[in-house]
Amino acid sequence: MNYADIRPIDVANGPGVRVSLFVSGCPHRCPGCFNPETWDFQYGQGFGEEQVRSILDLLRPGYIRGLTLLGGEPFEPDNQRALLPFLHRLRQQLPDKTVWAFSGYTWEELTGQSRARCDATGALLSLVDVLVDGEFVEALRDISLRFRGSSNQRLLDVPASLAAGRPIPWEG
């Protein structure tokens, strides 16, 4: 997996001060996307042990609430497989940090039968606290929305959604 950027301080993509990892590769190619360079799976640099250690170190201070995954598309199957061991490690070392993920795929696509679902999807979802789901739709763009760009996108409480077997809104 390649990544486009690691932001050590991000206050726009989830509550509080966060570290954000922008992965490379996105099949959605949403018109009006704020990050079109991340559509290319080859964009950026390779994600490996050095980046994992760096992100874990960035997450350690008490004022950092957690990690946000975006891109690109974190739930593209190859990206899922690369992110899964990293998130396992994060949860083991820093269990109090929250994990947010943005995806152009919907909850229904990630939990049903779609091209996004792969052998890592269920495990990866189980390590995420909040999922912002759905493609960005330029015609539905709304700058007043919290932590999302268009009104079709949802903020989902992943543990509650997994327990209920249906999407549950995040009320944070």
Protein backbone atom coordinates (compact mmCIF):
# COMPACT_ATOMS: atom_id res chain seq x y z
CA MET A 1 0.00 0.00 0.00
CA ASN A 2 1.13 3.53 -0.70
CA TYR A 3 0.17 6.56 1.30
CA ALA A 4 -0.14 10.18 0.24
CA ASP A 5 0.34 11.94 3.57
CA ILE A 6 0.56 11.57 7.32
CA ARG A 7 -0.76 14.62 9.14
CA PRO A 8 0.59 14.73 12.70
CA ILE A 9 -2.01 17.32 13.75
CA ASP A 10 -5.49 17.25 12.21
CA VAL A 11 -8.59 18.88 13.70
CA ALA A 12 -10.86 18.59 10.65
CA ASN A 13 -11.32 14.83 10.26
CA GLY A 14 -12.83 13.72 13.55
CA PRO A 15 -13.22 15.09 17.05
CA GLY A 16 -10.28 16.57 18.91
CA VAL A 17 -6.69 16.59 17.76
CA ARG A 18 -5.94 13.57 15.60
CA VAL A 19 -3.27 11.99 13.45
CA SER A 20 -4.48 11.35 9.90
CA LEU A 21 -3.21 8.80 7.40
CA PHE A 22 -4.16 9.48 3.78
CA VAL A 23 -3.87 6.23 1.84
CA SER A 24 -3.37 6.11 -1.92
CA GLY A 25 -5.76 4.51 -4.36
CA CYS A 26 -9.43 5.18 -4.91
CA PRO A 27 -11.81 3.72 -7.50
CA HIS A 28 -14.65 6.18 -6.73
CA ARG A 29 -13.08 9.26 -8.37
CA CYS A 30 -15.82 11.51 -7.01
CA PRO A 31 -16.24 14.77 -8.93
CA GLY A 32 -15.19 17.60 -6.61
CA CYS A 33 -12.96 15.35 -4.50
CA PHE A 34 -10.64 17.41 -2.30
CA ASN A 35 -7.80 14.91 -2.78
CA PRO A 36 -7.80 13.69 -6.43
CA GLU A 37 -4.06 12.94 -6.39
CA THR A 38 -4.84 10.03 -4.04
CA TRP A 39 -6.91 8.25 -6.68
CA ASP A 40 -3.71 6.73 -8.08
CA PHE A 41 -2.65 3.61 -6.16
CA GLN A 42 0.99 4.37 -7.02
CA TYR A 43 0.89 7.93 -5.67
CA GLY A 44 3.01 8.80 -2.66
CA GLN A 45 5.32 6.47 -0.78
CA GLY A 46 5.24 2.90 0.42
CA PHE A 47 3.66 2.28 3.82
CA GLY A 48 5.82 0.10 6.04
CA GLU A 49 7.32 -0.38 9.46
CA GLU A 50 8.91 3.07 9.57
CA GLN A 51 5.53 4.75 8.98
CA VAL A 52 3.79 2.46 11.48
CA ARG A 53 6.30 3.37 14.22
CA SER A 54 6.09 7.05 13.34
CA ILE A 55 2.29 7.11 13.54
CA LEU A 56 2.26 5.17 16.82
CA ASP A 57 4.74 7.69 18.26
CA LEU A 58 2.62 10.61 17.01
CA LEU A 59 -0.44 9.08 18.70
CA ARG A 60 1.18 8.71 22.14
CA PRO A 61 0.67 12.22 23.60
CA GLY A 62 -2.41 12.55 25.77
CA TYR A 63 -3.81 15.46 23.74
CA ILE A 64 -4.09 13.27 20.62
CA ARG A 65 -7.54 11.63 20.58
CA GLY A 66 -6.89 9.14 17.85
CA LEU A 67 -6.22 8.18 14.26
CA THR A 68 -8.24 8.98 11.15
CA LEU A 69 -7.92 6.90 7.98
CA LEU A 70 -8.86 8.53 4.70
CA GLY A 71 -7.43 9.00 1.31
CA GLY A 72 -7.83 7.61 -1.23
CA GLU A 73 -9.95 4.69 -0.11
CA PRO A 74 -8.94 2.84 3.07
CA PHE A 75 -11.50 0.12 2.32
CA GLU A 76 -10.12 -0.80 -1.07
CA PRO A 77 -9.20 -4.49 -0.53
CA ASP A 78 -5.43 -4.11 -0.92
CA ASN A 79 -5.46 -1.15 1.45
CA GLN A 80 -7.56 -3.08 3.97
CA ARG A 81 -5.05 -5.91 4.04
CA ALA A 82 -2.19 -3.46 4.66
CA LEU A 83 -4.07 -1.50 7.33
CA LEU A 84 -5.31 -4.51 9.31
CA PRO A 85 -2.01 -5.47 11.03
CA PHE A 86 -1.29 -1.80 11.70
CA LEU A 87 -4.66 -1.27 13.42
CA HIS A 88 -4.20 -4.47 15.46
CA ARG A 89 -0.91 -3.07 16.68
CA LEU A 90 -2.43 0.34 17.40
CA ARG A 91 -5.22 -1.24 19.46
CA GLN A 92 -2.70 -3.34 21.42
CA GLN A 93 -0.34 -0.45 22.18
CA LEU A 94 -2.79 2.46 22.46
CA PRO A 95 -6.21 1.04 23.32
CA ASP A 96 -7.64 4.38 24.47
CA LYS A 97 -7.19 6.07 21.09
CA THR A 98 -10.17 6.24 18.74
CA VAL A 99 -10.06 5.20 15.11
CA TRP A 100 -12.11 6.96 12.47
CA ALA A 101 -12.27 5.87 8.83
CA PHE A 102 -13.70 7.62 5.79
CA SER A 103 -14.91 5.46 2.91
CA GLY A 104 -16.68 6.04 -0.36
CA TYR A 105 -18.26 2.64 0.17
CA THR A 106 -21.45 2.48 2.21
CA TRP A 107 -21.93 0.38 5.32
CA GLU A 108 -24.18 -1.89 3.28
CA GLU A 109 -21.46 -2.41 0.66
CA LEU A 110 -18.80 -3.11 3.29
CA THR A 111 -20.96 -5.61 5.17
CA GLY A 112 -22.72 -7.16 2.17
CA GLN A 113 -21.61 -8.65 -1.10
CA SER A 114 -19.64 -6.01 -2.97
CA ARG A 115 -16.24 -5.60 -4.58
CA ALA A 116 -15.06 -3.76 -1.44
CA ARG A 117 -15.65 -6.72 0.84
CA CYS A 118 -12.65 -9.01 1.25
CA ASP A 119 -11.09 -11.35 3.81
CA ALA A 120 -9.95 -8.36 5.92
CA THR A 121 -13.15 -6.27 5.95
CA GLY A 122 -14.87 -7.69 9.03
CA ALA A 123 -11.72 -7.58 11.13
CA LEU A 124 -10.85 -4.07 9.94
CA LEU A 125 -14.34 -2.77 10.73
CA SER A 126 -14.10 -4.30 14.21
CA LEU A 127 -11.09 -2.06 14.89
CA VAL A 128 -12.82 1.17 13.78
CA ASP A 129 -14.92 3.34 16.11
CA VAL A 130 -16.59 5.65 13.58
CA LEU A 131 -17.10 5.19 9.85
CA VAL A 132 -17.95 8.10 7.59
CA ASP A 133 -19.52 6.24 4.69
CA GLY A 134 -20.61 7.03 1.15
CA GLU A 135 -19.12 8.76 -1.84
CA PHE A 136 -18.76 12.52 -1.86
CA VAL A 137 -21.56 13.90 -4.07
CA GLU A 138 -20.80 17.39 -5.29
CA ALA A 139 -24.50 18.24 -5.79
CA LEU A 140 -25.08 17.39 -2.11
CA ARG A 141 -22.05 19.33 -0.82
CA ASP A 142 -22.83 21.03 2.46
CA ILE A 143 -20.09 22.88 4.35
CA SER A 144 -22.26 23.06 7.47
CA LEU A 145 -22.08 19.31 8.02
CA ARG A 146 -19.81 18.04 10.75
CA PHE A 147 -16.93 15.80 9.56
CA ARG A 148 -18.32 15.12 6.09
CA GLY A 149 -18.61 16.86 2.77
CA SER A 150 -22.01 15.90 1.38
CA SER A 151 -25.40 15.18 2.92
CA ASN A 152 -25.56 11.57 1.70
CA GLN A 153 -22.58 10.64 3.86
CA ARG A 154 -23.25 9.17 7.30
CA LEU A 155 -21.36 9.14 10.59
CA LEU A 156 -21.75 5.60 11.90
CA ASP A 157 -20.97 4.13 15.30
CA VAL A 158 -19.20 0.98 14.15
CA PRO A 159 -19.29 -1.09 17.37
CA ALA A 160 -23.02 -0.37 17.79
CA SER A 161 -23.66 -1.05 14.10
CA LEU A 162 -21.84 -4.38 14.22
CA ALA A 163 -23.78 -5.38 17.35
CA ALA A 164 -27.13 -4.37 15.81
CA GLY A 165 -26.42 -5.77 12.36
CA ARG A 166 -27.47 -2.45 10.81
CA PRO A 167 -26.05 1.07 10.55
CA ILE A 168 -26.34 3.05 13.78
CA PRO A 169 -25.61 6.79 13.65
CA TRP A 170 -22.73 8.15 15.70
CA GLU A 171 -24.10 10.58 18.24
CA GLY A 172 -20.76 11.98 19.53
